[in-house]
Amino acid sequence: MSNPPANQATERNDKASTRASLNVLYRQRRLKDSLARYLVSLGGVSVLIAILLIFFYLLYVVAPLFESAEITEDTHFAAPGGGQTLYLGQEEQGELALRVSDAGRVIFFDTRSGAVSATFDLALPAAITSVSAEGNTLALGLADGSVKVVRYVFDTRYANDRRQLMPRLEFPLGEAPVRAEEDGAPGVAVDRLAFHIGEDSIGIVTADSRGQLVFSRYSREESFIDESITTELESTTRYTLSTPVTAMLLTPLLDHLYVALDAGQLLDFSLDSEGFAHAPVRHQLVGNITDMKFLPGGFALLAGLSNGLIQQWMPVRKQNIDTLTYIREFSISQSAVSRIAVEQQRKGFA
């Protein structure tokens, strides 16, 4: 015979046990739901805080761009090394600077104290009459018609856990100045100078007081054994102008030479492997050209004028020919533009 009271008691115990187990599971579920809800809320708030921090950081970085520039003097000292300064430059972090004096000396000095860190004597055979710079490379035109190319380099070394800069000089065309005259006869002083050093070639253009242009092209070849670079003169050509040159620019591809003359004339010479390809194309500007500079890339040029304007010119393809074309102009002031400085990082100029 069955025992109904015992069965009923067992069923009640099972139900009570099941309810207890379910209550435990429900409590665990509610705890997990609460934790998930708070964690999701915390994650969302964290994302909003991160976005706000990024916004305030960008505002902190961009806001100074809308403020007027300020220049403050940190220190001052006499020009190290004496003599007249022909060129000033510095390394990218502004710790060391250099100056080239009219005595043919390159002086490296600390920008904070003016203490001289190194001095190099270029041992030039004649006085410096013109200087042209491209990055950290200088071309010095001399009174005897020769040119010396110098590159300054800053090596980094660490001694006693301190960073030290060691300046040195390199000579892409050799330590002896190069001359356009093959017979070695004394030349006329270099009044204006333009150059460019590429991976495979070097171009140098000089102009003297007679208006004679000399374009020299050199080839560069790197040795596979010791990585040394040898240069060899490929061609030298001349072109005589009737008026003195006021400014020159040589394109990085060595395919065009831009020459500024008096009375606002801008000449565009086409160059090939032999030198001057043909007579220049003349452009008449609205004022005398006081300075010329390439924008970053060496494609477009800026011409500063005596009436305060700065004009932008660049080659434009017309009938399968690159033609130097006026693009736009900037009205800076009513006074003549004396110098143009191009900023390499943000592509601005002053």
Foldseek 3Di string as FASTA:
>chain_A
DDDVVVVVVVVVVVVVVVVVVVVVVVVVVVVVVVVVVVVVVVVVVVVVVVVVVVVVVVCVVCVCVPDDDDDDDQDDDPQPPDAAFPDKAADPVQQKIWTQHQQQKIWIAGPRPRHTDDMDHLPAPATFQDWDDDVQKIWTWGQQQWIWIKGKDWDWDADPNDIDTDIDIDGPADSHTDHLDPVPHGDGTFNAKEKEDDPFKIWIWTAHQQQKIKIWMKTWDADPPPRDIDIDTQEIDMDHDRFGWQYWYAANVNQWIWTFGFQQKIWIFGADSHGGPDGTDIDHDPAHFQDKDAFPPRFKMWTWGQQQKIWIWGFDQDPNDTDIDTDDMDRGDRGGDNDKAADNPPRHID
